[in-house]
Amino acid sequence: MHRTWHLPTSPPTTAFRVQVAYGVLNSNDALLTPYIDASLSHNSNTYTTGLRYALATGMNPDLSASHKQRSNSNNDNRLFLQLRSDL
C-alpha cells in the first residue's frame, strides 16, 4: 500500500468563535436563554443574536438574527425561526 501526502498550497488562516449565553428559569419550568455568537475569520465575520426558549412540553423555539460581513463586500443578513421538539 502506497500513500501520497500533499501539503496544502494555500497559506493557513485563523478563526475565532465565541458564544455568550445565560439561562433564566421562569415559574413554568421553561428556560429562556438569550445568546450572542461571534465568528471571526480571515474572509468573513458573522454576528448572531438570538433567544432560545426551552418549554417544559418539549417544544423549543429559537429566534435569531445574523449578519455576515465578507471581505468581498457581499454581506448577508438572515432571520431564523427554528422549532425543535422532544418526541
Protein backbone atom coordinates (compact mmCIF):
# COMPACT_ATOMS: atom_id res chain seq x y z
CA MET A 1 0.00 0.00 0.00
CA HIS A 2 1.42 3.38 -1.04
CA ARG A 3 0.15 6.64 0.41
CA THR A 4 0.85 10.04 -1.00
CA TRP A 5 0.64 13.08 1.24
CA HIS A 6 0.07 16.52 -0.17
CA LEU A 7 0.69 19.72 1.71
CA PRO A 8 -1.93 22.46 1.31
CA THR A 9 -0.99 25.07 -1.25
CA SER A 10 -2.91 27.91 0.43
CA PRO A 11 -1.48 29.65 3.48
CA PRO A 12 -3.05 28.78 6.84
CA THR A 13 -5.79 31.05 8.14
CA THR A 14 -7.04 31.81 11.60
CA ALA A 15 -10.54 31.74 13.00
CA PHE A 16 -12.07 32.67 16.33
CA ARG A 17 -15.54 31.84 17.65
CA VAL A 18 -17.18 32.84 20.91
CA GLN A 19 -20.70 32.40 22.27
CA VAL A 20 -22.12 34.09 25.34
CA ALA A 21 -25.41 32.79 26.72
CA TYR A 22 -27.23 32.69 30.02
CA GLY A 23 -30.39 30.95 31.12
CA VAL A 24 -33.31 32.29 33.12
CA LEU A 25 -35.72 29.75 34.60
CA ASN A 26 -39.30 31.00 34.88
CA SER A 27 -42.19 29.77 37.03
CA ASN A 28 -43.49 27.39 34.31
CA ASP A 29 -40.25 25.34 34.30
CA ALA A 30 -39.29 26.92 31.00
CA LEU A 31 -35.71 28.04 30.33
CA LEU A 32 -35.24 31.34 28.48
CA THR A 33 -31.74 31.70 27.01
CA PRO A 34 -30.65 34.91 25.28
CA TYR A 35 -27.34 34.48 23.41
CA ILE A 36 -24.77 36.25 21.26
CA ASP A 37 -22.45 34.40 18.90
CA ALA A 38 -19.48 35.87 17.03
CA SER A 39 -17.39 34.05 14.45
CA LEU A 40 -14.35 35.89 13.10
CA SER A 41 -12.15 34.59 10.30
CA HIS A 42 -9.86 35.81 7.54
CA ASN A 43 -12.61 36.03 4.87
CA SER A 44 -15.72 36.85 6.88
CA ASN A 45 -17.18 37.82 10.24
CA THR A 46 -20.57 36.59 11.42
CA TYR A 47 -22.50 38.07 14.34
CA THR A 48 -25.64 36.37 15.65
CA THR A 49 -28.01 37.26 18.44
CA GLY A 50 -30.92 35.12 19.47
CA LEU A 51 -33.36 33.85 22.03
CA ARG A 52 -33.97 30.17 22.83
CA TYR A 53 -36.97 29.08 24.84
CA ALA A 54 -37.00 25.53 26.24
CA LEU A 55 -40.56 24.74 27.29
CA ALA A 56 -41.50 22.00 29.74
CA THR A 57 -43.68 20.45 27.00
CA GLY A 58 -40.60 19.61 24.91
CA MET A 59 -41.14 22.36 22.32
CA ASN A 60 -38.04 24.50 21.87
CA PRO A 61 -38.39 27.62 19.69
CA ASP A 62 -35.24 29.55 18.75
CA LEU A 63 -35.42 33.01 17.16
CA SER A 64 -32.16 34.51 15.88
CA ALA A 65 -30.80 37.16 13.53
CA SER A 66 -27.35 37.15 11.96
CA HIS A 67 -25.16 39.46 9.93
CA LYS A 68 -22.33 38.02 7.84
CA GLN A 69 -19.72 40.51 6.67
CA ARG A 70 -17.47 39.23 3.89
CA SER A 71 -14.18 40.65 2.65
CA ASN A 72 -15.62 40.93 -0.90
CA SER A 73 -18.46 43.19 0.42
CA ASN A 74 -21.10 40.57 -0.40
CA ASN A 75 -22.78 40.87 3.01
CA ASP A 76 -25.68 38.74 4.20
CA ASN A 77 -28.46 39.34 6.77
CA ARG A 78 -30.68 36.50 7.96
CA LEU A 79 -33.56 35.94 10.34
CA PHE A 80 -34.19 32.40 11.60
CA LEU A 81 -37.07 30.80 13.44
CA GLN A 82 -36.36 27.21 14.42
CA LEU A 83 -38.65 24.87 16.30
CA ARG A 84 -37.32 21.68 17.88
CA SER A 85 -39.39 19.05 19.62
CA ASP A 86 -38.54 16.21 22.01
CA LEU A 87 -40.65 13.35 20.67
